[in-house]
All heavy atoms as atom14 arrays in JSON, in Angstrom:
{
  "sequence": "HRLYECHDKILAHKRSLFDHLTQRWRDLFGVRYEVLLYDLTSTYFECA",
  "atom14_mask": [
    [1, 1, 1, 1, 1, 1, 1, 1, 1, 1, 0, 0, 0, 0],
    [1, 1, 1, 1, 1, 1, 1, 1, 1, 1, 1, 0, 0, 0],
    [1, 1, 1, 1, 1, 1, 1, 1, 0, 0, 0, 0, 0, 0],
    [1, 1, 1, 1, 1, 1, 1, 1, 1, 1, 1, 1, 0, 0],
    [1, 1, 1, 1, 1, 1, 1, 1, 1, 0, 0, 0, 0, 0],
    [1, 1, 1, 1, 1, 1, 0, 0, 0, 0, 0, 0, 0, 0],
    [1, 1, 1, 1, 1, 1, 1, 1, 1, 1, 0, 0, 0, 0],
    [1, 1, 1, 1, 1, 1, 1, 1, 0, 0, 0, 0, 0, 0],
    [1, 1, 1, 1, 1, 1, 1, 1, 1, 0, 0, 0, 0, 0],
    [1, 1, 1, 1, 1, 1, 1, 1, 0, 0, 0, 0, 0, 0],
    [1, 1, 1, 1, 1, 1, 1, 1, 0, 0, 0, 0, 0, 0],
    [1, 1, 1, 1, 1, 0, 0, 0, 0, 0, 0, 0, 0, 0],
    [1, 1, 1, 1, 1, 1, 1, 1, 1, 1, 0, 0, 0, 0],
    [1, 1, 1, 1, 1, 1, 1, 1, 1, 0, 0, 0, 0, 0],
    [1, 1, 1, 1, 1, 1, 1, 1, 1, 1, 1, 0, 0, 0],
    [1, 1, 1, 1, 1, 1, 0, 0, 0, 0, 0, 0, 0, 0],
    [1, 1, 1, 1, 1, 1, 1, 1, 0, 0, 0, 0, 0, 0],
    [1, 1, 1, 1, 1, 1, 1, 1, 1, 1, 1, 0, 0, 0],
    [1, 1, 1, 1, 1, 1, 1, 1, 0, 0, 0, 0, 0, 0],
    [1, 1, 1, 1, 1, 1, 1, 1, 1, 1, 0, 0, 0, 0],
    [1, 1, 1, 1, 1, 1, 1, 1, 0, 0, 0, 0, 0, 0],
    [1, 1, 1, 1, 1, 1, 1, 0, 0, 0, 0, 0, 0, 0],
    [1, 1, 1, 1, 1, 1, 1, 1, 1, 0, 0, 0, 0, 0],
    [1, 1, 1, 1, 1, 1, 1, 1, 1, 1, 1, 0, 0, 0],
    [1, 1, 1, 1, 1, 1, 1, 1, 1, 1, 1, 1, 1, 1],
    [1, 1, 1, 1, 1, 1, 1, 1, 1, 1, 1, 0, 0, 0],
    [1, 1, 1, 1, 1, 1, 1, 1, 0, 0, 0, 0, 0, 0],
    [1, 1, 1, 1, 1, 1, 1, 1, 0, 0, 0, 0, 0, 0],
    [1, 1, 1, 1, 1, 1, 1, 1, 1, 1, 1, 0, 0, 0],
    [1, 1, 1, 1, 0, 0, 0, 0, 0, 0, 0, 0, 0, 0],
    [1, 1, 1, 1, 1, 1, 1, 0, 0, 0, 0, 0, 0, 0],
    [1, 1, 1, 1, 1, 1, 1, 1, 1, 1, 1, 0, 0, 0],
    [1, 1, 1, 1, 1, 1, 1, 1, 1, 1, 1, 1, 0, 0],
    [1, 1, 1, 1, 1, 1, 1, 1, 1, 0, 0, 0, 0, 0],
    [1, 1, 1, 1, 1, 1, 1, 0, 0, 0, 0, 0, 0, 0],
    [1, 1, 1, 1, 1, 1, 1, 1, 0, 0, 0, 0, 0, 0],
    [1, 1, 1, 1, 1, 1, 1, 1, 0, 0, 0, 0, 0, 0],
    [1, 1, 1, 1, 1, 1, 1, 1, 1, 1, 1, 1, 0, 0],
    [1, 1, 1, 1, 1, 1, 1, 1, 0, 0, 0, 0, 0, 0],
    [1, 1, 1, 1, 1, 1, 1, 1, 0, 0, 0, 0, 0, 0],
    [1, 1, 1, 1, 1, 1, 1, 0, 0, 0, 0, 0, 0, 0],
    [1, 1, 1, 1, 1, 1, 0, 0, 0, 0, 0, 0, 0, 0],
    [1, 1, 1, 1, 1, 1, 1, 0, 0, 0, 0, 0, 0, 0],
    [1, 1, 1, 1, 1, 1, 1, 1, 1, 1, 1, 1, 0, 0],
    [1, 1, 1, 1, 1, 1, 1, 1, 1, 1, 1, 0, 0, 0],
    [1, 1, 1, 1, 1, 1, 1, 1, 1, 0, 0, 0, 0, 0],
    [1, 1, 1, 1, 1, 1, 0, 0, 0, 0, 0, 0, 0, 0],
    [1, 1, 1, 1, 1, 0, 0, 0, 0, 0, 0, 0, 0, 0]
  ],
  "atom14_positions": [
    [[92.84, 92.29, 98.32], [93.05, 93.65, 97.81], [94.12, 94.38, 98.63], [94.9, 95.17, 98.07], [91.74, 94.44, 97.83], [90.68, 93.85, 96.93], [90.8, 93.86, 95.55], [89.51, 93.22, 97.2], [89.74, 93.27, 95.01], [88.93, 92.88, 95.99], [0.0, 0.0, 0.0], [0.0, 0.0, 0.0], [0.0, 0.0, 0.0], [0.0, 0.0, 0.0]],
    [[94.17, 94.12, 99.92], [95.2, 94.75, 100.74], [96.59, 94.22, 100.39], [97.58, 94.96, 100.45], [94.9, 94.53, 102.23], [93.74, 95.38, 102.74], [93.46, 95.1, 104.21], [92.49, 96.05, 104.75], [91.18, 95.92, 104.62], [90.68, 94.88, 103.95], [90.35, 96.81, 105.13], [0.0, 0.0, 0.0], [0.0, 0.0, 0.0], [0.0, 0.0, 0.0]],
    [[96.68, 92.95, 100.04], [97.97, 92.4, 99.63], [98.5, 93.12, 98.4], [99.7, 93.45, 98.32], [97.84, 90.9, 99.36], [97.5, 90.01, 100.56], [97.33, 88.57, 100.11], [98.58, 90.11, 101.63], [0.0, 0.0, 0.0], [0.0, 0.0, 0.0], [0.0, 0.0, 0.0], [0.0, 0.0, 0.0], [0.0, 0.0, 0.0], [0.0, 0.0, 0.0]],
    [[97.64, 93.37, 97.45], [98.07, 94.06, 96.23], [98.32, 95.55, 96.49], [99.27, 96.13, 95.93], [97.03, 93.88, 95.12], [97.02, 92.49, 94.53], [95.88, 91.69, 94.6], [98.14, 91.97, 93.89], [95.86, 90.41, 94.06], [98.13, 90.7, 93.35], [96.99, 89.92, 93.43], [96.98, 88.66, 92.91], [0.0, 0.0, 0.0], [0.0, 0.0, 0.0]],
    [[97.49, 96.16, 97.32], [97.68, 97.58, 97.61], [98.99, 97.83, 98.34], [99.62, 98.88, 98.16], [96.51, 98.1, 98.45], [95.2, 98.21, 97.67], [94.04, 98.6, 98.56], [94.31, 99.13, 99.66], [92.88, 98.37, 98.18], [0.0, 0.0, 0.0], [0.0, 0.0, 0.0], [0.0, 0.0, 0.0], [0.0, 0.0, 0.0], [0.0, 0.0, 0.0]],
    [[99.42, 96.87, 99.14], [100.67, 97.03, 99.87], [101.86, 97.16, 98.92], [102.83, 97.86, 99.22], [100.86, 95.86, 100.82], [102.3, 96.01, 101.9], [0.0, 0.0, 0.0], [0.0, 0.0, 0.0], [0.0, 0.0, 0.0], [0.0, 0.0, 0.0], [0.0, 0.0, 0.0], [0.0, 0.0, 0.0], [0.0, 0.0, 0.0], [0.0, 0.0, 0.0]],
    [[101.79, 96.48, 97.77], [102.88, 96.58, 96.78], [103.06, 98.01, 96.29], [104.17, 98.4, 95.91], [102.59, 95.66, 95.59], [102.8, 94.2, 95.89], [101.88, 93.45, 96.56], [103.83, 93.36, 95.6], [102.32, 92.21, 96.68], [103.5, 92.12, 96.11], [0.0, 0.0, 0.0], [0.0, 0.0, 0.0], [0.0, 0.0, 0.0], [0.0, 0.0, 0.0]],
    [[101.98, 98.79, 96.29], [102.06, 100.15, 95.76], [102.7, 101.14, 96.74], [102.96, 102.28, 96.37], [100.66, 100.65, 95.4], [99.97, 99.75, 94.38], [100.68, 99.12, 93.58], [98.73, 99.66, 94.4], [0.0, 0.0, 0.0], [0.0, 0.0, 0.0], [0.0, 0.0, 0.0], [0.0, 0.0, 0.0], [0.0, 0.0, 0.0], [0.0, 0.0, 0.0]],
    [[102.96, 100.71, 97.98], [103.41, 101.64, 99.01], [104.87, 101.48, 99.41], [105.37, 102.26, 100.22], [102.55, 101.46, 100.28], [101.07, 101.68, 100.06], [100.28, 101.41, 101.32], [98.8, 101.65, 101.11], [98.5, 103.07, 100.85], [0.0, 0.0, 0.0], [0.0, 0.0, 0.0], [0.0, 0.0, 0.0], [0.0, 0.0, 0.0], [0.0, 0.0, 0.0]],
    [[105.58, 100.48, 98.87], [106.88, 100.14, 99.46], [108.07, 100.57, 98.61], [109.17, 100.74, 99.15], [106.96, 98.62, 99.72], [106.74, 97.82, 98.41], [105.94, 98.21, 100.76], [106.84, 96.32, 98.6], [0.0, 0.0, 0.0], [0.0, 0.0, 0.0], [0.0, 0.0, 0.0], [0.0, 0.0, 0.0], [0.0, 0.0, 0.0], [0.0, 0.0, 0.0]],
    [[107.9, 100.75, 97.3], [109.06, 101.02, 96.45], [109.75, 102.33, 96.79], [110.96, 102.47, 96.61], [108.63, 101.03, 94.97], [108.4, 99.67, 94.32], [107.95, 99.83, 92.89], [109.65, 98.81, 94.38], [0.0, 0.0, 0.0], [0.0, 0.0, 0.0], [0.0, 0.0, 0.0], [0.0, 0.0, 0.0], [0.0, 0.0, 0.0], [0.0, 0.0, 0.0]],
    [[109.01, 103.3, 97.28], [109.61, 104.6, 97.59], [110.64, 104.52, 98.72], [111.45, 105.43, 98.87], [108.51, 105.6, 97.97], [0.0, 0.0, 0.0], [0.0, 0.0, 0.0], [0.0, 0.0, 0.0], [0.0, 0.0, 0.0], [0.0, 0.0, 0.0], [0.0, 0.0, 0.0], [0.0, 0.0, 0.0], [0.0, 0.0, 0.0], [0.0, 0.0, 0.0]],
    [[110.65, 103.42, 99.47], [111.53, 103.32, 100.63], [112.69, 102.36, 100.38], [113.35, 101.95, 101.35], [110.72, 102.86, 101.84], [109.49, 103.66, 102.1], [109.53, 104.97, 102.53], [108.17, 103.35, 101.95], [108.28, 105.42, 102.67], [107.45, 104.47, 102.32], [0.0, 0.0, 0.0], [0.0, 0.0, 0.0], [0.0, 0.0, 0.0], [0.0, 0.0, 0.0]],
    [[112.95, 102.02, 99.13], [114.0, 101.03, 98.85], [115.37, 101.53, 99.26], [116.15, 100.81, 99.9], [113.98, 100.66, 97.37], [114.98, 99.55, 97.03], [114.78, 99.04, 95.61], [115.26, 100.02, 94.58], [115.26, 99.44, 93.22], [0.0, 0.0, 0.0], [0.0, 0.0, 0.0], [0.0, 0.0, 0.0], [0.0, 0.0, 0.0], [0.0, 0.0, 0.0]],
    [[115.7, 102.77, 98.93], [117.03, 103.29, 99.25], [117.23, 103.39, 100.76], [118.27, 102.97, 101.29], [117.23, 104.65, 98.59], [118.52, 105.33, 98.99], [118.85, 106.49, 98.11], [120.04, 107.2, 98.56], [120.72, 108.06, 97.84], [120.34, 108.32, 96.61], [121.78, 108.67, 98.32], [0.0, 0.0, 0.0], [0.0, 0.0, 0.0], [0.0, 0.0, 0.0]],
    [[116.25, 103.93, 101.47], [116.4, 104.04, 102.92], [116.45, 102.68, 103.59], [117.11, 102.51, 104.63], [115.25, 104.87, 103.5], [113.99, 104.3, 103.18], [0.0, 0.0, 0.0], [0.0, 0.0, 0.0], [0.0, 0.0, 0.0], [0.0, 0.0, 0.0], [0.0, 0.0, 0.0], [0.0, 0.0, 0.0], [0.0, 0.0, 0.0], [0.0, 0.0, 0.0]],
    [[115.79, 101.69, 103.0], [115.85, 100.34, 103.57], [117.27, 99.79, 103.52], [117.76, 99.24, 104.51], [114.9, 99.41, 102.82], [115.01, 97.94, 103.21], [114.51, 97.72, 104.62], [114.26, 97.05, 102.23], [0.0, 0.0, 0.0], [0.0, 0.0, 0.0], [0.0, 0.0, 0.0], [0.0, 0.0, 0.0], [0.0, 0.0, 0.0], [0.0, 0.0, 0.0]],
    [[117.95, 99.93, 102.38], [119.29, 99.4, 102.28], [120.27, 100.19, 103.14], [121.25, 99.63, 103.64], [119.74, 99.34, 100.82], [119.22, 98.12, 100.09], [118.12, 98.19, 99.25], [119.83, 96.89, 100.27], [117.64, 97.07, 98.6], [119.36, 95.76, 99.63], [118.27, 95.84, 98.79], [0.0, 0.0, 0.0], [0.0, 0.0, 0.0], [0.0, 0.0, 0.0]],
    [[120.04, 101.49, 103.33], [120.85, 102.24, 104.29], [120.68, 101.65, 105.69], [121.66, 101.5, 106.44], [120.44, 103.71, 104.29], [120.89, 104.45, 103.04], [121.85, 103.98, 102.41], [120.29, 105.48, 102.7], [0.0, 0.0, 0.0], [0.0, 0.0, 0.0], [0.0, 0.0, 0.0], [0.0, 0.0, 0.0], [0.0, 0.0, 0.0], [0.0, 0.0, 0.0]],
    [[119.44, 101.34, 106.04], [119.16, 100.77, 107.36], [119.79, 99.39, 107.5], [120.41, 99.08, 108.53], [117.64, 100.68, 107.55], [117.22, 99.89, 108.75], [117.22, 100.41, 110.02], [116.8, 98.6, 108.86], [116.8, 99.49, 110.87], [116.55, 98.37, 110.2], [0.0, 0.0, 0.0], [0.0, 0.0, 0.0], [0.0, 0.0, 0.0], [0.0, 0.0, 0.0]],
    [[119.66, 98.53, 106.47], [120.16, 97.17, 106.57], [121.68, 97.11, 106.62], [122.25, 96.3, 107.37], [119.64, 96.34, 105.39], [118.14, 96.02, 105.41], [117.74, 95.3, 104.13], [117.79, 95.16, 106.61], [0.0, 0.0, 0.0], [0.0, 0.0, 0.0], [0.0, 0.0, 0.0], [0.0, 0.0, 0.0], [0.0, 0.0, 0.0], [0.0, 0.0, 0.0]],
    [[122.36, 97.93, 105.81], [123.82, 97.91, 105.83], [124.36, 98.29, 107.2], [125.33, 97.69, 107.69], [124.39, 98.86, 104.76], [123.77, 100.15, 104.89], [124.14, 98.33, 103.36], [0.0, 0.0, 0.0], [0.0, 0.0, 0.0], [0.0, 0.0, 0.0], [0.0, 0.0, 0.0], [0.0, 0.0, 0.0], [0.0, 0.0, 0.0], [0.0, 0.0, 0.0]],
    [[123.73, 99.25, 107.86], [124.17, 99.62, 109.2], [123.85, 98.52, 110.21], [124.65, 98.22, 111.1], [123.49, 100.93, 109.63], [123.91, 101.43, 111.0], [125.4, 101.69, 111.08], [125.99, 102.31, 110.18], [126.04, 101.21, 112.15], [0.0, 0.0, 0.0], [0.0, 0.0, 0.0], [0.0, 0.0, 0.0], [0.0, 0.0, 0.0], [0.0, 0.0, 0.0]],
    [[122.7, 97.88, 110.02], [122.3, 96.82, 110.96], [123.24, 95.63, 110.85], [123.65, 95.04, 111.86], [120.85, 96.41, 110.69], [120.27, 95.5, 111.75], [120.22, 96.17, 113.07], [119.77, 95.26, 114.13], [120.18, 95.33, 115.38], [121.03, 96.27, 115.75], [119.74, 94.49, 116.27], [0.0, 0.0, 0.0], [0.0, 0.0, 0.0], [0.0, 0.0, 0.0]],
    [[123.58, 95.22, 109.62], [124.51, 94.1, 109.43], [125.9, 94.44, 109.96], [126.61, 93.57, 110.46], [124.57, 93.71, 107.96], [123.35, 92.98, 107.49], [122.64, 92.06, 108.19], [122.69, 93.11, 106.23], [121.57, 91.61, 107.44], [121.59, 92.24, 106.23], [122.93, 93.89, 105.09], [120.74, 92.1, 105.14], [122.09, 93.75, 104.01], [121.0, 92.87, 104.03]],
    [[126.28, 95.71, 109.84], [127.57, 96.12, 110.39], [127.57, 95.98, 111.92], [128.56, 95.54, 112.51], [127.87, 97.57, 109.98], [129.27, 98.03, 110.38], [129.5, 99.48, 109.99], [129.69, 99.63, 108.55], [128.85, 100.24, 107.74], [127.72, 100.77, 108.21], [129.09, 100.35, 106.45], [0.0, 0.0, 0.0], [0.0, 0.0, 0.0], [0.0, 0.0, 0.0]],
    [[126.45, 96.31, 112.56], [126.36, 96.21, 114.0], [126.3, 94.75, 114.47], [126.88, 94.39, 115.49], [125.13, 96.96, 114.52], [125.2, 98.46, 114.24], [126.33, 98.95, 114.05], [124.14, 99.11, 114.21], [0.0, 0.0, 0.0], [0.0, 0.0, 0.0], [0.0, 0.0, 0.0], [0.0, 0.0, 0.0], [0.0, 0.0, 0.0], [0.0, 0.0, 0.0]],
    [[125.58, 93.91, 113.72], [125.37, 92.53, 114.15], [126.57, 91.64, 113.86], [126.97, 90.83, 114.7], [124.12, 91.95, 113.47], [122.77, 92.49, 113.92], [121.67, 91.94, 113.03], [122.5, 92.11, 115.37], [0.0, 0.0, 0.0], [0.0, 0.0, 0.0], [0.0, 0.0, 0.0], [0.0, 0.0, 0.0], [0.0, 0.0, 0.0], [0.0, 0.0, 0.0]],
    [[127.11, 91.75, 112.66], [128.12, 90.8, 112.21], [129.46, 91.45, 111.85], [130.37, 90.76, 111.39], [127.6, 90.01, 111.0], [126.26, 89.39, 111.21], [125.13, 89.88, 110.57], [126.12, 88.32, 112.08], [123.89, 89.3, 110.76], [124.88, 87.74, 112.29], [123.77, 88.23, 111.63], [0.0, 0.0, 0.0], [0.0, 0.0, 0.0], [0.0, 0.0, 0.0]],
    [[129.57, 92.77, 112.02], [130.81, 93.44, 111.65], [131.1, 93.38, 110.16], [132.28, 93.28, 109.76], [0.0, 0.0, 0.0], [0.0, 0.0, 0.0], [0.0, 0.0, 0.0], [0.0, 0.0, 0.0], [0.0, 0.0, 0.0], [0.0, 0.0, 0.0], [0.0, 0.0, 0.0], [0.0, 0.0, 0.0], [0.0, 0.0, 0.0], [0.0, 0.0, 0.0]],
    [[130.07, 93.44, 109.34], [130.24, 93.33, 107.89], [131.0, 94.55, 107.36], [130.72, 95.69, 107.75], [128.87, 93.2, 107.18], [129.04, 93.13, 105.67], [128.15, 91.96, 107.69], [0.0, 0.0, 0.0], [0.0, 0.0, 0.0], [0.0, 0.0, 0.0], [0.0, 0.0, 0.0], [0.0, 0.0, 0.0], [0.0, 0.0, 0.0], [0.0, 0.0, 0.0]],
    [[131.95, 94.32, 106.49], [132.71, 95.4, 105.84], [132.33, 95.42, 104.36], [132.06, 94.37, 103.75], [134.2, 95.17, 106.01], [134.61, 95.03, 107.48], [136.07, 94.71, 107.64], [136.89, 95.84, 107.23], [138.23, 95.85, 107.28], [138.87, 94.77, 107.71], [138.91, 96.91, 106.91], [0.0, 0.0, 0.0], [0.0, 0.0, 0.0], [0.0, 0.0, 0.0]],
    [[132.33, 96.59, 103.79], [131.87, 96.77, 102.41], [133.0, 97.25, 101.52], [132.81, 98.11, 100.67], [130.69, 97.76, 102.39], [129.54, 97.31, 103.27], [129.39, 97.82, 104.57], [128.64, 96.37, 102.83], [128.35, 97.4, 105.39], [127.59, 95.94, 103.64], [127.45, 96.46, 104.91], [126.42, 96.03, 105.71], [0.0, 0.0, 0.0], [0.0, 0.0, 0.0]],
    [[134.18, 96.66, 101.71], [135.33, 97.05, 100.9], [135.37, 96.31, 99.58], [135.89, 96.82, 98.59], [136.62, 96.79, 101.69], [136.73, 97.6, 102.98], [137.93, 97.2, 103.79], [138.57, 96.18, 103.42], [138.24, 97.88, 104.77], [0.0, 0.0, 0.0], [0.0, 0.0, 0.0], [0.0, 0.0, 0.0], [0.0, 0.0, 0.0], [0.0, 0.0, 0.0]],
    [[134.87, 95.07, 99.55], [134.85, 94.26, 98.33], [133.4, 94.09, 97.92], [132.56, 93.62, 98.7], [135.51, 92.89, 98.56], [135.46, 92.06, 97.28], [136.94, 93.06, 99.04], [0.0, 0.0, 0.0], [0.0, 0.0, 0.0], [0.0, 0.0, 0.0], [0.0, 0.0, 0.0], [0.0, 0.0, 0.0], [0.0, 0.0, 0.0], [0.0, 0.0, 0.0]],
    [[133.08, 94.47, 96.68], [131.72, 94.38, 96.16], [131.7, 93.45, 94.96], [132.54, 93.58, 94.06], [131.2, 95.77, 95.76], [131.21, 96.84, 96.86], [130.64, 98.14, 96.33], [130.43, 96.38, 98.09], [0.0, 0.0, 0.0], [0.0, 0.0, 0.0], [0.0, 0.0, 0.0], [0.0, 0.0, 0.0], [0.0, 0.0, 0.0], [0.0, 0.0, 0.0]],
    [[130.77, 92.53, 94.95], [130.61, 91.58, 93.86], [129.41, 92.01, 93.02], [128.31, 92.23, 93.57], [130.4, 90.17, 94.41], [131.35, 89.73, 95.54], [130.98, 88.34, 96.02], [132.79, 89.78, 95.07], [0.0, 0.0, 0.0], [0.0, 0.0, 0.0], [0.0, 0.0, 0.0], [0.0, 0.0, 0.0], [0.0, 0.0, 0.0], [0.0, 0.0, 0.0]],
    [[129.59, 92.1, 91.72], [128.54, 92.62, 90.84], [128.26, 91.63, 89.72], [129.19, 91.13, 89.07], [128.99, 93.96, 90.25], [127.99, 94.58, 89.28], [126.69, 94.84, 89.68], [128.37, 94.9, 87.98], [125.78, 95.4, 88.8], [127.47, 95.46, 87.1], [126.17, 95.71, 87.52], [125.27, 96.27, 86.64], [0.0, 0.0, 0.0], [0.0, 0.0, 0.0]],
    [[126.98, 91.34, 89.51], [126.6, 90.44, 88.42], [125.14, 90.69, 88.08], [124.43, 91.42, 88.8], [126.81, 88.98, 88.81], [127.02, 88.08, 87.6], [126.88, 88.58, 86.46], [127.32, 86.89, 87.78], [0.0, 0.0, 0.0], [0.0, 0.0, 0.0], [0.0, 0.0, 0.0], [0.0, 0.0, 0.0], [0.0, 0.0, 0.0], [0.0, 0.0, 0.0]],
    [[124.7, 90.09, 86.98], [123.32, 90.25, 86.51], [122.72, 88.89, 86.22], [123.42, 87.92, 85.91], [123.26, 91.11, 85.24], [123.79, 92.54, 85.33], [125.22, 92.6, 84.82], [122.91, 93.5, 84.54], [0.0, 0.0, 0.0], [0.0, 0.0, 0.0], [0.0, 0.0, 0.0], [0.0, 0.0, 0.0], [0.0, 0.0, 0.0], [0.0, 0.0, 0.0]],
    [[121.4, 88.82, 86.32], [120.67, 87.64, 85.91], [119.36, 88.1, 85.29], [119.06, 89.31, 85.22], [120.4, 86.7, 87.1], [119.89, 85.45, 86.62], [119.39, 87.31, 88.06], [0.0, 0.0, 0.0], [0.0, 0.0, 0.0], [0.0, 0.0, 0.0], [0.0, 0.0, 0.0], [0.0, 0.0, 0.0], [0.0, 0.0, 0.0], [0.0, 0.0, 0.0]],
    [[118.57, 87.14, 84.83], [117.27, 87.47, 84.24], [116.23, 86.5, 84.76], [116.55, 85.39, 85.19], [117.34, 87.38, 82.7], [117.72, 86.07, 82.3], [0.0, 0.0, 0.0], [0.0, 0.0, 0.0], [0.0, 0.0, 0.0], [0.0, 0.0, 0.0], [0.0, 0.0, 0.0], [0.0, 0.0, 0.0], [0.0, 0.0, 0.0], [0.0, 0.0, 0.0]],
    [[114.99, 86.93, 84.77], [113.88, 86.05, 85.12], [112.76, 86.27, 84.12], [112.45, 87.4, 83.75], [113.39, 86.32, 86.56], [112.34, 85.41, 86.88], [112.9, 87.74, 86.74], [0.0, 0.0, 0.0], [0.0, 0.0, 0.0], [0.0, 0.0, 0.0], [0.0, 0.0, 0.0], [0.0, 0.0, 0.0], [0.0, 0.0, 0.0], [0.0, 0.0, 0.0]],
    [[112.18, 85.18, 83.65], [111.25, 85.26, 82.52], [109.79, 85.19, 82.98], [109.49, 84.82, 84.12], [111.54, 84.14, 81.51], [111.41, 82.74, 82.05], [110.19, 82.08, 82.05], [112.51, 82.07, 82.56], [110.05, 80.8, 82.54], [112.4, 80.78, 83.06], [111.17, 80.16, 83.05], [111.04, 78.88, 83.55], [0.0, 0.0, 0.0], [0.0, 0.0, 0.0]],
    [[108.89, 85.54, 82.06], [107.45, 85.54, 82.29], [106.81, 84.58, 81.3], [107.02, 84.71, 80.09], [106.84, 86.93, 82.08], [107.35, 87.98, 83.02], [108.62, 88.51, 82.89], [106.56, 88.43, 84.06], [109.09, 89.47, 83.74], [107.02, 89.4, 84.93], [108.29, 89.92, 84.77], [0.0, 0.0, 0.0], [0.0, 0.0, 0.0], [0.0, 0.0, 0.0]],
    [[106.05, 83.64, 81.79], [105.33, 82.72, 80.9], [103.96, 83.33, 80.59], [102.93, 82.92, 81.1], [105.2, 81.35, 81.55], [106.54, 80.62, 81.68], [106.4, 79.25, 82.29], [105.5, 79.08, 83.13], [107.19, 78.36, 81.95], [0.0, 0.0, 0.0], [0.0, 0.0, 0.0], [0.0, 0.0, 0.0], [0.0, 0.0, 0.0], [0.0, 0.0, 0.0]],
    [[103.97, 84.34, 79.74], [102.75, 85.04, 79.38], [102.94, 85.65, 78.0], [104.03, 85.62, 77.43], [102.41, 86.12, 80.4], [103.62, 87.45, 80.48], [0.0, 0.0, 0.0], [0.0, 0.0, 0.0], [0.0, 0.0, 0.0], [0.0, 0.0, 0.0], [0.0, 0.0, 0.0], [0.0, 0.0, 0.0], [0.0, 0.0, 0.0], [0.0, 0.0, 0.0]],
    [[101.88, 86.2, 77.46], [101.96, 86.86, 76.16], [102.8, 88.13, 76.27], [102.8, 88.78, 77.33], [100.55, 87.2, 75.66], [0.0, 0.0, 0.0], [0.0, 0.0, 0.0], [0.0, 0.0, 0.0], [0.0, 0.0, 0.0], [0.0, 0.0, 0.0], [0.0, 0.0, 0.0], [0.0, 0.0, 0.0], [0.0, 0.0, 0.0], [0.0, 0.0, 0.0]]
  ]
}
């Protein structure tokens, strides 16, 4: 039950997480964000 309840608490922090990660990767590896690659994919559900 705790595993499932944890899913309900994390989505609100998605934006702040990527702000944190982009800065961390910049500090660790000197990552630059001048070129952005954009694409889409899909994932299916084997259910009704």
